[in-house]
PDB file of all heavy atoms in Angstrom:
ATOM      1  N   SER A   1       0.847  -1.192   0.000  1.00  0.00           N
ATOM      2  CA  SER A   1       0.000   0.000   0.000  1.00  0.00           C
ATOM      3  C   SER A   1       0.886   1.246   0.000  1.00  0.00           C
ATOM      4  O   SER A   1       1.886   1.306   0.721  1.00  0.00           O
ATOM      5  CB  SER A   1      -0.903   0.003   1.228  1.00  0.00           C
ATOM      6  OG  SER A   1      -1.624   1.208   1.319  1.00  0.00           O
ATOM      7  N   PRO A   2       0.551   2.268  -0.798  1.00  0.00           N
ATOM      8  CA  PRO A   2       1.382   3.490  -0.837  1.00  0.00           C
ATOM      9  C   PRO A   2       1.555   4.156   0.520  1.00  0.00           C
ATOM     10  O   PRO A   2       2.602   4.754   0.780  1.00  0.00           O
ATOM     11  CB  PRO A   2       0.619   4.388  -1.818  1.00  0.00           C
ATOM     12  CG  PRO A   2      -0.146   3.445  -2.697  1.00  0.00           C
ATOM     13  CD  PRO A   2      -0.519   2.303  -1.801  1.00  0.00           C
ATOM     14  N   GLU A   3       0.556   4.061   1.395  1.00  0.00           N
ATOM     15  CA  GLU A   3       0.679   4.714   2.700  1.00  0.00           C
ATOM     16  C   GLU A   3       1.732   4.050   3.572  1.00  0.00           C
ATOM     17  O   GLU A   3       2.284   4.688   4.479  1.00  0.00           O
ATOM     18  CB  GLU A   3      -0.674   4.708   3.420  1.00  0.00           C
ATOM     19  CG  GLU A   3      -1.191   3.334   3.776  1.00  0.00           C
ATOM     20  CD  GLU A   3      -2.524   3.384   4.503  1.00  0.00           C
ATOM     21  OE1 GLU A   3      -2.858   4.463   5.034  1.00  0.00           O
ATOM     22  OE2 GLU A   3      -3.225   2.355   4.530  1.00  0.00           O
ATOM     23  N   TYR A   4       2.052   2.772   3.316  1.00  0.00           N
ATOM     24  CA  TYR A   4       3.100   2.097   4.076  1.00  0.00           C
ATOM     25  C   TYR A   4       4.490   2.410   3.533  1.00  0.00           C
ATOM     26  O   TYR A   4       5.492   2.222   4.232  1.00  0.00           O
ATOM     27  CB  TYR A   4       2.877   0.582   4.061  1.00  0.00           C
ATOM     28  CG  TYR A   4       1.634   0.137   4.783  1.00  0.00           C
ATOM     29  CD1 TYR A   4       0.965  -1.030   4.431  1.00  0.00           C
ATOM     30  CD2 TYR A   4       1.110   0.899   5.824  1.00  0.00           C
ATOM     31  CE1 TYR A   4      -0.174  -1.438   5.090  1.00  0.00           C
ATOM     32  CE2 TYR A   4      -0.034   0.504   6.494  1.00  0.00           C
ATOM     33  CZ  TYR A   4      -0.677  -0.665   6.122  1.00  0.00           C
ATOM     34  OH  TYR A   4      -1.813  -1.063   6.778  1.00  0.00           O
ATOM     35  N   VAL A   5       4.563   2.880   2.295  1.00  0.00           N
ATOM     36  CA  VAL A   5       5.849   3.210   1.675  1.00  0.00           C
ATOM     37  C   VAL A   5       6.266   4.632   2.025  1.00  0.00           C
ATOM     38  O   VAL A   5       7.459   4.945   2.122  1.00  0.00           O
ATOM     39  CB  VAL A   5       5.768   3.031   0.145  1.00  0.00           C
ATOM     40  CG1 VAL A   5       7.062   3.465  -0.532  1.00  0.00           C
ATOM     41  CG2 VAL A   5       5.451   1.580  -0.206  1.00  0.00           C
ATOM     42  N   ARG A   6       5.304   5.510   2.239  1.00  0.00           N
ATOM     43  CA  ARG A   6       5.571   6.937   2.428  1.00  0.00           C
ATOM     44  C   ARG A   6       6.612   7.234   3.525  1.00  0.00           C
ATOM     45  O   ARG A   6       7.455   8.115   3.344  1.00  0.00           O
ATOM     46  CB  ARG A   6       4.256   7.663   2.714  1.00  0.00           C
ATOM     47  CG  ARG A   6       4.342   9.186   2.575  1.00  0.00           C
ATOM     48  CD  ARG A   6       2.978   9.820   2.707  1.00  0.00           C
ATOM     49  NE  ARG A   6       2.074   9.345   1.681  1.00  0.00           N
ATOM     50  CZ  ARG A   6       0.946   8.692   1.924  1.00  0.00           C
ATOM     51  NH1 ARG A   6       0.596   8.422   3.164  1.00  0.00           N
ATOM     52  NH2 ARG A   6       0.169   8.311   0.938  1.00  0.00           N
ATOM     53  N   PRO A   7       6.613   6.547   4.673  1.00  0.00           N
ATOM     54  CA  PRO A   7       7.615   6.880   5.700  1.00  0.00           C
ATOM     55  C   PRO A   7       9.060   6.638   5.281  1.00  0.00           C
ATOM     56  O   PRO A   7       9.981   7.170   5.912  1.00  0.00           O
ATOM     57  CB  PRO A   7       7.230   5.964   6.874  1.00  0.00           C
ATOM     58  CG  PRO A   7       5.799   5.641   6.655  1.00  0.00           C
ATOM     59  CD  PRO A   7       5.629   5.573   5.182  1.00  0.00           C
ATOM     60  N   TYR A   8       9.288   5.863   4.230  1.00  0.00           N
ATOM     61  CA  TYR A   8      10.654   5.538   3.819  1.00  0.00           C
ATOM     62  C   TYR A   8      11.176   6.488   2.744  1.00  0.00           C
ATOM     63  O   TYR A   8      12.313   6.336   2.299  1.00  0.00           O
ATOM     64  CB  TYR A   8      10.704   4.098   3.299  1.00  0.00           C
ATOM     65  CG  TYR A   8      10.353   3.078   4.363  1.00  0.00           C
ATOM     66  CD1 TYR A   8       9.043   2.615   4.486  1.00  0.00           C
ATOM     67  CD2 TYR A   8      11.311   2.596   5.241  1.00  0.00           C
ATOM     68  CE1 TYR A   8       8.703   1.696   5.459  1.00  0.00           C
ATOM     69  CE2 TYR A   8      10.980   1.674   6.226  1.00  0.00           C
ATOM     70  CZ  TYR A   8       9.678   1.230   6.323  1.00  0.00           C
ATOM     71  OH  TYR A   8       9.357   0.328   7.304  1.00  0.00           O
ATOM     72  N   VAL A   9      10.356   7.454   2.319  1.00  0.00           N
ATOM     73  CA  VAL A   9      10.793   8.419   1.314  1.00  0.00           C
ATOM     74  C   VAL A   9      11.639   9.489   1.988  1.00  0.00           C
ATOM     75  O   VAL A   9      11.214  10.117   2.955  1.00  0.00           O
ATOM     76  CB  VAL A   9       9.589   9.062   0.598  1.00  0.00           C
ATOM     77  CG1 VAL A   9      10.061  10.076  -0.439  1.00  0.00           C
ATOM     78  CG2 VAL A   9       8.736   7.987  -0.073  1.00  0.00           C
ATOM     79  N   LYS A  10      12.836   9.705   1.462  1.00  0.00           N
ATOM     80  CA  LYS A  10      13.732  10.710   2.041  1.00  0.00           C
ATOM     81  C   LYS A  10      13.331  12.106   1.581  1.00  0.00           C
ATOM     82  O   LYS A  10      12.415  12.275   0.782  1.00  0.00           O
ATOM     83  CB  LYS A  10      15.181  10.415   1.639  1.00  0.00           C
ATOM     84  CG  LYS A  10      15.691   9.071   2.163  1.00  0.00           C
ATOM     85  CD  LYS A  10      17.112   8.857   1.752  1.00  0.00           C
ATOM     86  CE  LYS A  10      17.664   7.554   2.332  1.00  0.00           C
ATOM     87  NZ  LYS A  10      16.983   6.377   1.803  1.00  0.00           N
ATOM     88  N   ALA A  11      14.044  13.121   2.069  1.00  0.00           N
ATOM     89  CA  ALA A  11      13.741  14.507   1.723  1.00  0.00           C
ATOM     90  C   ALA A  11      13.937  14.738   0.224  1.00  0.00           C
ATOM     91  O   ALA A  11      14.601  13.970  -0.464  1.00  0.00           O
ATOM     92  CB  ALA A  11      14.639  15.448   2.521  1.00  0.00           C
ATOM     93  N   HIS A  12      13.356  15.841  -0.278  1.00  0.00           N
ATOM     94  CA  HIS A  12      13.416  16.187  -1.699  1.00  0.00           C
ATOM     95  C   HIS A  12      12.849  15.049  -2.555  1.00  0.00           C
ATOM     96  O   HIS A  12      13.520  14.464  -3.399  1.00  0.00           O
ATOM     97  CB  HIS A  12      14.851  16.501  -2.131  1.00  0.00           C
ATOM     98  CG  HIS A  12      15.500  17.545  -1.287  1.00  0.00           C
ATOM     99  ND1 HIS A  12      15.057  18.845  -1.228  1.00  0.00           N
ATOM    100  CD2 HIS A  12      16.564  17.471  -0.436  1.00  0.00           C
ATOM    101  CE1 HIS A  12      15.818  19.543  -0.390  1.00  0.00           C
ATOM    102  NE2 HIS A  12      16.733  18.730   0.106  1.00  0.00           N
ATOM    103  N   LYS A  13      11.603  14.757  -2.290  1.00  0.00           N
ATOM    104  CA  LYS A  13      10.921  13.651  -2.942  1.00  0.00           C
ATOM    105  C   LYS A  13      10.944  13.790  -4.458  1.00  0.00           C
ATOM    106  O   LYS A  13      10.637  14.845  -5.007  1.00  0.00           O
ATOM    107  CB  LYS A  13       9.476  13.601  -2.437  1.00  0.00           C
ATOM    108  CG  LYS A  13       8.556  12.663  -3.195  1.00  0.00           C
ATOM    109  CD  LYS A  13       7.170  12.710  -2.586  1.00  0.00           C
ATOM    110  CE  LYS A  13       6.127  12.093  -3.508  1.00  0.00           C
ATOM    111  NZ  LYS A  13       6.391  10.692  -3.810  1.00  0.00           N
ATOM    112  N   ASN A  14      11.274  12.696  -5.152  1.00  0.00           N
ATOM    113  CA  ASN A  14      11.167  12.600  -6.606  1.00  0.00           C
ATOM    114  C   ASN A  14      10.957  11.141  -6.969  1.00  0.00           C
ATOM    115  O   ASN A  14      10.904  10.266  -6.087  1.00  0.00           O
ATOM    116  CB  ASN A  14      12.404  13.192  -7.299  1.00  0.00           C
ATOM    117  CG  ASN A  14      13.705  12.579  -6.800  1.00  0.00           C
ATOM    118  OD1 ASN A  14      13.809  11.358  -6.640  1.00  0.00           O
ATOM    119  ND2 ASN A  14      14.698  13.423  -6.530  1.00  0.00           N
ATOM    120  N   ASP A  15      10.846  10.841  -8.252  1.00  0.00           N
ATOM    121  CA  ASP A  15      10.548   9.474  -8.676  1.00  0.00           C
ATOM    122  C   ASP A  15      11.659   8.501  -8.304  1.00  0.00           C
ATOM    123  O   ASP A  15      11.392   7.348  -7.928  1.00  0.00           O
ATOM    124  CB  ASP A  15      10.312   9.442 -10.191  1.00  0.00           C
ATOM    125  CG  ASP A  15       9.031  10.159 -10.589  1.00  0.00           C
ATOM    126  OD1 ASP A  15       8.195  10.398  -9.686  1.00  0.00           O
ATOM    127  OD2 ASP A  15       8.861  10.483 -11.778  1.00  0.00           O
ATOM    128  N   ASP A  16      12.923   8.927  -8.416  1.00  0.00           N
ATOM    129  CA  ASP A  16      14.035   8.044  -8.061  1.00  0.00           C
ATOM    130  C   ASP A  16      14.036   7.712  -6.576  1.00  0.00           C
ATOM    131  O   ASP A  16      14.282   6.560  -6.188  1.00  0.00           O
ATOM    132  CB  ASP A  16      15.364   8.694  -8.449  1.00  0.00           C
ATOM    133  CG  ASP A  16      15.548   8.789  -9.958  1.00  0.00           C
ATOM    134  OD1 ASP A  16      14.915   7.981 -10.663  1.00  0.00           O
ATOM    135  OD2 ASP A  16      16.291   9.661 -10.419  1.00  0.00           O
ATOM    136  N   ARG A  17      13.761   8.709  -5.742  1.00  0.00           N
ATOM    137  CA  ARG A  17      13.703   8.453  -4.297  1.00  0.00           C
ATOM    138  C   ARG A  17      12.492   7.592  -3.943  1.00  0.00           C
ATOM    139  O   ARG A  17      12.545   6.807  -2.988  1.00  0.00           O
ATOM    140  CB  ARG A  17      13.669   9.771  -3.535  1.00  0.00           C
ATOM    141  CG  ARG A  17      14.982  10.559  -3.640  1.00  0.00           C
ATOM    142  CD  ARG A  17      14.955  11.772  -2.723  1.00  0.00           C
ATOM    143  NE  ARG A  17      16.152  12.572  -2.888  1.00  0.00           N
ATOM    144  CZ  ARG A  17      17.294  12.356  -2.259  1.00  0.00           C
ATOM    145  NH1 ARG A  17      17.376  11.330  -1.424  1.00  0.00           N
ATOM    146  NH2 ARG A  17      18.332  13.143  -2.450  1.00  0.00           N
ATOM    147  N   ASP A  18      11.401   7.746  -4.698  1.00  0.00           N
ATOM    148  CA  ASP A  18      10.235   6.887  -4.469  1.00  0.00           C
ATOM    149  C   ASP A  18      10.573   5.429  -4.760  1.00  0.00           C
ATOM    150  O   ASP A  18      10.186   4.529  -4.009  1.00  0.00           O
ATOM    151  CB  ASP A  18       9.077   7.335  -5.355  1.00  0.00           C
ATOM    152  CG  ASP A  18       8.436   8.622  -4.861  1.00  0.00           C
ATOM    153  OD1 ASP A  18       8.722   9.009  -3.713  1.00  0.00           O
ATOM    154  OD2 ASP A  18       7.675   9.241  -5.619  1.00  0.00           O
ATOM    155  N   ALA A  19      11.280   5.178  -5.869  1.00  0.00           N
ATOM    156  CA  ALA A  19      11.667   3.809  -6.206  1.00  0.00           C
ATOM    157  C   ALA A  19      12.596   3.230  -5.140  1.00  0.00           C
ATOM    158  O   ALA A  19      12.470   2.050  -4.756  1.00  0.00           O
ATOM    159  CB  ALA A  19      12.348   3.788  -7.576  1.00  0.00           C
ATOM    160  N   GLU A  20      13.518   4.056  -4.637  1.00  0.00           N
ATOM    161  CA  GLU A  20      14.409   3.598  -3.574  1.00  0.00           C
ATOM    162  C   GLU A  20      13.629   3.291  -2.307  1.00  0.00           C
ATOM    163  O   GLU A  20      13.893   2.293  -1.610  1.00  0.00           O
ATOM    164  CB  GLU A  20      15.455   4.676  -3.301  1.00  0.00           C
ATOM    165  CG  GLU A  20      16.460   4.320  -2.221  1.00  0.00           C
ATOM    166  CD  GLU A  20      17.429   5.456  -1.953  1.00  0.00           C
ATOM    167  OE1 GLU A  20      17.566   6.346  -2.820  1.00  0.00           O
ATOM    168  OE2 GLU A  20      18.044   5.447  -0.866  1.00  0.00           O
ATOM    169  N   ALA A  21      12.638   4.135  -1.969  1.00  0.00           N
ATOM    170  CA  ALA A  21      11.824   3.901  -0.772  1.00  0.00           C
ATOM    171  C   ALA A  21      10.997   2.623  -0.905  1.00  0.00           C
ATOM    172  O   ALA A  21      10.821   1.879   0.069  1.00  0.00           O
ATOM    173  CB  ALA A  21      10.908   5.101  -0.534  1.00  0.00           C
ATOM    174  N   ILE A  22      10.489   2.354  -2.097  1.00  0.00           N
ATOM    175  CA  ILE A  22       9.710   1.127  -2.324  1.00  0.00           C
ATOM    176  C   ILE A  22      10.578  -0.102  -2.104  1.00  0.00           C
ATOM    177  O   ILE A  22      10.163  -1.078  -1.463  1.00  0.00           O
ATOM    178  CB  ILE A  22       9.113   1.145  -3.744  1.00  0.00           C
ATOM    179  CG1 ILE A  22       8.031   2.225  -3.849  1.00  0.00           C
ATOM    180  CG2 ILE A  22       8.544  -0.218  -4.108  1.00  0.00           C
ATOM    181  CD1 ILE A  22       7.570   2.485  -5.266  1.00  0.00           C
ATOM    182  N   ALA A  23      11.804  -0.059  -2.635  1.00  0.00           N
ATOM    183  CA  ALA A  23      12.714  -1.192  -2.454  1.00  0.00           C
ATOM    184  C   ALA A  23      13.070  -1.377  -0.981  1.00  0.00           C
ATOM    185  O   ALA A  23      13.126  -2.513  -0.476  1.00  0.00           O
ATOM    186  CB  ALA A  23      13.977  -0.968  -3.285  1.00  0.00           C
ATOM    187  N   GLU A  24      13.313  -0.275  -0.274  1.00  0.00           N
ATOM    188  CA  GLU A  24      13.668  -0.370   1.145  1.00  0.00           C
ATOM    189  C   GLU A  24      12.495  -0.869   1.975  1.00  0.00           C
ATOM    190  O   GLU A  24      12.669  -1.689   2.886  1.00  0.00           O
ATOM    191  CB  GLU A  24      14.131   0.994   1.657  1.00  0.00           C
ATOM    192  CG  GLU A  24      14.585   0.975   3.102  1.00  0.00           C
ATOM    193  CD  GLU A  24      15.086   2.331   3.576  1.00  0.00           C
ATOM    194  OE1 GLU A  24      15.268   3.223   2.734  1.00  0.00           O
ATOM    195  OE2 GLU A  24      15.291   2.484   4.795  1.00  0.00           O
ATOM    196  N   ALA A  25      11.278  -0.392   1.681  1.00  0.00           N
ATOM    197  CA  ALA A  25      10.105  -0.822   2.449  1.00  0.00           C
ATOM    198  C   ALA A  25       9.855  -2.318   2.289  1.00  0.00           C
ATOM    199  O   ALA A  25       9.386  -2.975   3.220  1.00  0.00           O
ATOM    200  CB  ALA A  25       8.879  -0.032   2.004  1.00  0.00           C
ATOM    201  N   ALA A  26      10.173  -2.867   1.121  1.00  0.00           N
ATOM    202  CA  ALA A  26       9.933  -4.294   0.872  1.00  0.00           C
ATOM    203  C   ALA A  26      10.838  -5.184   1.706  1.00  0.00           C
ATOM    204  O   ALA A  26      10.559  -6.385   1.851  1.00  0.00           O
ATOM    205  CB  ALA A  26      10.120  -4.595  -0.607  1.00  0.00           C
ATOM    206  N   THR A  27      11.909  -4.631   2.254  1.00  0.00           N
ATOM    207  CA  THR A  27      12.830  -5.436   3.058  1.00  0.00           C
ATOM    208  C   THR A  27      12.418  -5.527   4.518  1.00  0.00           C
ATOM    209  O   THR A  27      12.989  -6.325   5.258  1.00  0.00           O
ATOM    210  CB  THR A  27      14.248  -4.836   2.999  1.00  0.00           C
ATOM    211  OG1 THR A  27      14.232  -3.521   3.615  1.00  0.00           O
ATOM    212  CG2 THR A  27      14.720  -4.703   1.565  1.00  0.00           C
ATOM    213  N   ARG A  28      11.451  -4.721   4.940  1.00  0.00           N
ATOM    214  CA  ARG A  28      11.070  -4.693   6.354  1.00  0.00           C
ATOM    215  C   ARG A  28      10.313  -5.959   6.728  1.00  0.00           C
ATOM    216  O   ARG A  28       9.374  -6.369   6.019  1.00  0.00           O
ATOM    217  CB  ARG A  28      10.210  -3.465   6.676  1.00  0.00           C
ATOM    218  CG  ARG A  28      10.778  -2.141   6.192  1.00  0.00           C
ATOM    219  CD  ARG A  28      12.251  -2.003   6.493  1.00  0.00           C
ATOM    220  NE  ARG A  28      12.531  -2.122   7.919  1.00  0.00           N
ATOM    221  CZ  ARG A  28      13.738  -2.346   8.425  1.00  0.00           C
ATOM    222  NH1 ARG A  28      14.760  -2.521   7.620  1.00  0.00           N
ATOM    223  NH2 ARG A  28      13.897  -2.417   9.724  1.00  0.00           N
ATOM    224  N   PRO A  29      10.678  -6.617   7.837  1.00  0.00           N
ATOM    225  CA  PRO A  29      10.025  -7.883   8.203  1.00  0.00           C
ATOM    226  C   PRO A  29       8.568  -7.733   8.619  1.00  0.00           C
ATOM    227  O   PRO A  29       7.808  -8.706   8.571  1.00  0.00           O
ATOM    228  CB  PRO A  29      10.894  -8.395   9.365  1.00  0.00           C
ATOM    229  CG  PRO A  29      11.553  -7.175   9.928  1.00  0.00           C
ATOM    230  CD  PRO A  29      11.774  -6.259   8.759  1.00  0.00           C
ATOM    231  N   THR A  30       8.170  -6.534   9.052  1.00  0.00           N
ATOM    232  CA  THR A  30       6.791  -6.331   9.500  1.00  0.00           C
ATOM    233  C   THR A  30       5.903  -5.721   8.424  1.00  0.00           C
ATOM    234  O   THR A  30       4.753  -5.383   8.704  1.00  0.00           O
ATOM    235  CB  THR A  30       6.767  -5.418  10.734  1.00  0.00           C
ATOM    236  OG1 THR A  30       7.390  -4.162  10.416  1.00  0.00           O
ATOM    237  CG2 THR A  30       7.511  -6.060  11.905  1.00  0.00           C
ATOM    238  N   MET A  31       6.416  -5.559   7.220  1.00  0.00           N
ATOM    239  CA  MET A  31       5.640  -4.943   6.144  1.00  0.00           C
ATOM    240  C   MET A  31       4.478  -5.855   5.734  1.00  0.00           C
ATOM    241  O   MET A  31       4.621  -7.081   5.679  1.00  0.00           O
ATOM    242  CB  MET A  31       6.539  -4.652   4.950  1.00  0.00           C
ATOM    243  CG  MET A  31       5.834  -4.005   3.769  1.00  0.00           C
ATOM    244  SD  MET A  31       5.010  -2.456   4.175  1.00  0.00           S
ATOM    245  CE  MET A  31       6.410  -1.439   4.648  1.00  0.00           C
ATOM    246  N   ARG A  32       3.347  -5.233   5.428  1.00  0.00           N
ATOM    247  CA  ARG A  32       2.176  -5.965   4.943  1.00  0.00           C
ATOM    248  C   ARG A  32       2.124  -5.856   3.429  1.00  0.00           C
ATOM    249  O   ARG A  32       2.208  -4.758   2.877  1.00  0.00           O
ATOM    250  CB  ARG A  32       0.889  -5.389   5.542  1.00  0.00           C
ATOM    251  CG  ARG A  32       0.813  -5.508   7.052  1.00  0.00           C
ATOM    252  CD  ARG A  32      -0.465  -4.877   7.569  1.00  0.00           C
ATOM    253  NE  ARG A  32      -0.567  -4.949   9.023  1.00  0.00           N
ATOM    254  CZ  ARG A  32      -1.568  -4.439   9.730  1.00  0.00           C
ATOM    255  NH1 ARG A  32      -2.551  -3.798   9.100  1.00  0.00           N
ATOM    256  NH2 ARG A  32      -1.593  -4.551  11.037  1.00  0.00           N
ATOM    257  N   PHE A  33       1.967  -6.987   2.781  1.00  0.00           N
ATOM    258  CA  PHE A  33       1.976  -7.026   1.329  1.00  0.00           C
ATOM    259  C   PHE A  33       0.585  -7.349   0.794  1.00  0.00           C
ATOM    260  O   PHE A  33      -0.228  -8.005   1.452  1.00  0.00           O
ATOM    261  CB  PHE A  33       2.980  -8.058   0.830  1.00  0.00           C
ATOM    262  CG  PHE A  33       4.395  -7.772   1.254  1.00  0.00           C
ATOM    263  CD1 PHE A  33       5.014  -8.551   2.221  1.00  0.00           C
ATOM    264  CD2 PHE A  33       5.093  -6.707   0.720  1.00  0.00           C
ATOM    265  CE1 PHE A  33       6.306  -8.292   2.628  1.00  0.00           C
ATOM    266  CE2 PHE A  33       6.384  -6.425   1.119  1.00  0.00           C
ATOM    267  CZ  PHE A  33       6.990  -7.219   2.073  1.00  0.00           C
ATOM    268  N   VAL A  34       0.330  -6.888  -0.421  1.00  0.00           N
ATOM    269  CA  VAL A  34      -0.947  -7.105  -1.100  1.00  0.00           C
ATOM    270  C   VAL A  34      -0.793  -8.288  -2.053  1.00  0.00           C
ATOM    271  O   VAL A  34       0.176  -8.343  -2.816  1.00  0.00           O
ATOM    272  CB  VAL A  34      -1.362  -5.840  -1.887  1.00  0.00           C
ATOM    273  CG1 VAL A  34      -2.667  -6.078  -2.643  1.00  0.00           C
ATOM    274  CG2 VAL A  34      -1.491  -4.653  -0.944  1.00  0.00           C
ATOM    275  N   GLU A  35      -1.740  -9.220  -1.984  1.00  0.00           N
ATOM    276  CA  GLU A  35      -1.703 -10.358  -2.893  1.00  0.00           C
ATOM    277  C   GLU A  35      -2.022  -9.914  -4.324  1.00  0.00           C
ATOM    278  O   GLU A  35      -2.865  -9.037  -4.541  1.00  0.00           O
ATOM    279  CB  GLU A  35      -2.713 -11.421  -2.448  1.00  0.00           C
ATOM    280  CG  GLU A  35      -2.407 -12.048  -1.100  1.00  0.00           C
ATOM    281  CD  GLU A  35      -1.167 -12.917  -1.135  1.00  0.00           C
ATOM    282  OE1 GLU A  35      -0.819 -13.395  -2.243  1.00  0.00           O
ATOM    283  OE2 GLU A  35      -0.555 -13.109  -0.075  1.00  0.00           O
ATOM    284  N   ILE A  36      -1.345 -10.519  -5.283  1.00  0.00           N
ATOM    285  CA  ILE A  36      -1.594 -10.202  -6.691  1.00  0.00           C
ATOM    286  C   ILE A  36      -2.947 -10.764  -7.100  1.00  0.00           C
ATOM    287  O   ILE A  36      -3.240 -11.943  -6.884  1.00  0.00           O
ATOM    288  CB  ILE A  36      -0.478 -10.779  -7.580  1.00  0.00           C
ATOM    289  CG1 ILE A  36       0.860 -10.145  -7.221  1.00  0.00           C
ATOM    290  CG2 ILE A  36      -0.787 -10.554  -9.056  1.00  0.00           C
ATOM    291  CD1 ILE A  36       2.030 -10.688  -8.001  1.00  0.00           C
ATOM    292  N   LYS A  37      -3.775  -9.932  -7.690  1.00  0.00           N
ATOM    293  CA  LYS A  37      -5.102 -10.352  -8.122  1.00  0.00           C
ATOM    294  C   LYS A  37      -5.026 -11.079  -9.461  1.00  0.00           C
ATOM    295  O   LYS A  37      -4.209 -10.744 -10.326  1.00  0.00           O
ATOM    296  CB  LYS A  37      -6.040  -9.148  -8.246  1.00  0.00           C
ATOM    297  CG  LYS A  37      -6.461  -8.548  -6.919  1.00  0.00           C
ATOM    298  CD  LYS A  37      -7.452  -7.425  -7.144  1.00  0.00           C
ATOM    299  CE  LYS A  37      -8.020  -6.928  -5.819  1.00  0.00           C
ATOM    300  NZ  LYS A  37      -6.985  -6.421  -4.922  1.00  0.00           N
ATOM    301  N   SER A  38      -5.889 -12.056  -9.627  1.00  0.00           N
ATOM    302  CA  SER A  38      -5.970 -12.775 -10.893  1.00  0.00           C
ATOM    303  C   SER A  38      -6.744 -11.951 -11.914  1.00  0.00           C
ATOM    304  O   SER A  38      -7.375 -10.938 -11.586  1.00  0.00           O
ATOM    305  CB  SER A  38      -6.651 -14.128 -10.685  1.00  0.00           C
ATOM    306  OG  SER A  38      -8.010 -13.939 -10.296  1.00  0.00           O
TER     307      SER A  38
END
């Protein structure tokens, strides 16, 4: 969910920092993931 990724975005937000935040958020052991829909 985008709201769970937002805390990992560093200052001066841009698309590259968003991609980095998404990758970092995926490594967290307590992160909740969305199942892929058929």
